[in-house]
């Protein structure tokens, strides 16, 4: 789904949630100069719609709010080198942003959250941290963060998954999981991370790992990949010079995921 269609779907979903004449769209910067300012007035079911630009702020999302960039990756939330760039409350969604230059890119601990079609890059520690409730993490580029791409602790979900992301060039693990966690990791490209592609500290049998491509993470575990996973060069087109994590069709294998779609983030940019 391209970003225009995704924005339209988010707006329609926001309307459905509240019954729904009360749902509003708040445009940044046309109505409110900052995303944080929009969150002060936003109510459950509202959409904060953000035009292209650099927003140098730390955003705390209001419960039940949809935060949407109108153009894929062209609205950038810059944390100024310190703090958590985006902190999610319950039943929140974020779509289409670049989230960068914080200590942590996005933090989520409440139920019902979704992180989709974002580029979470160049944060001083971890790209995404999830505690207790796993957000739906789908179609993101999570790269060049100095610690792990995704870190989860005591995260459980029967519905949300880590699905179709490109997780690469992070300074620690691609995905690190600890505590009493239980969820699904599928259809991701996990490549060129400086330690393990996937590190599970406890009860690895409770994490379902299917149809992921693990490639050239610096320290691979001393055991074979889980069944039904892959190891092939993802052939990213220009990851360092242009943050372009599309596979080069002339070089990359065409293995399919559990849903018969190409592995990794499914983004048009």
Foldseek 3Di string as FASTA:
>chain_A
DAQQVVVVVLLVVLQVPPVHPPEEEAEDPVRPPAPQVVQVPHDASYEYEYEFDEHADAHEHDENYEYGYSHAQRYEYAPQQEDERYEYDEQYEYARHEFERYQERYEYEYPNYAYARYEQEHHAEEDYEYEQEDHAAAQYEQEHHAYEDYEYENYEDPPHENFFAEQEHYNYEPYEYEYNYAHEYWLAEQEHHQEEPYHYDDDPVRYHYAAYEYECHPHYDPDDDPPHYHHDDQCFPPCPPPVGRHHDVVPHDQDAIPVRHHGHRDYDD
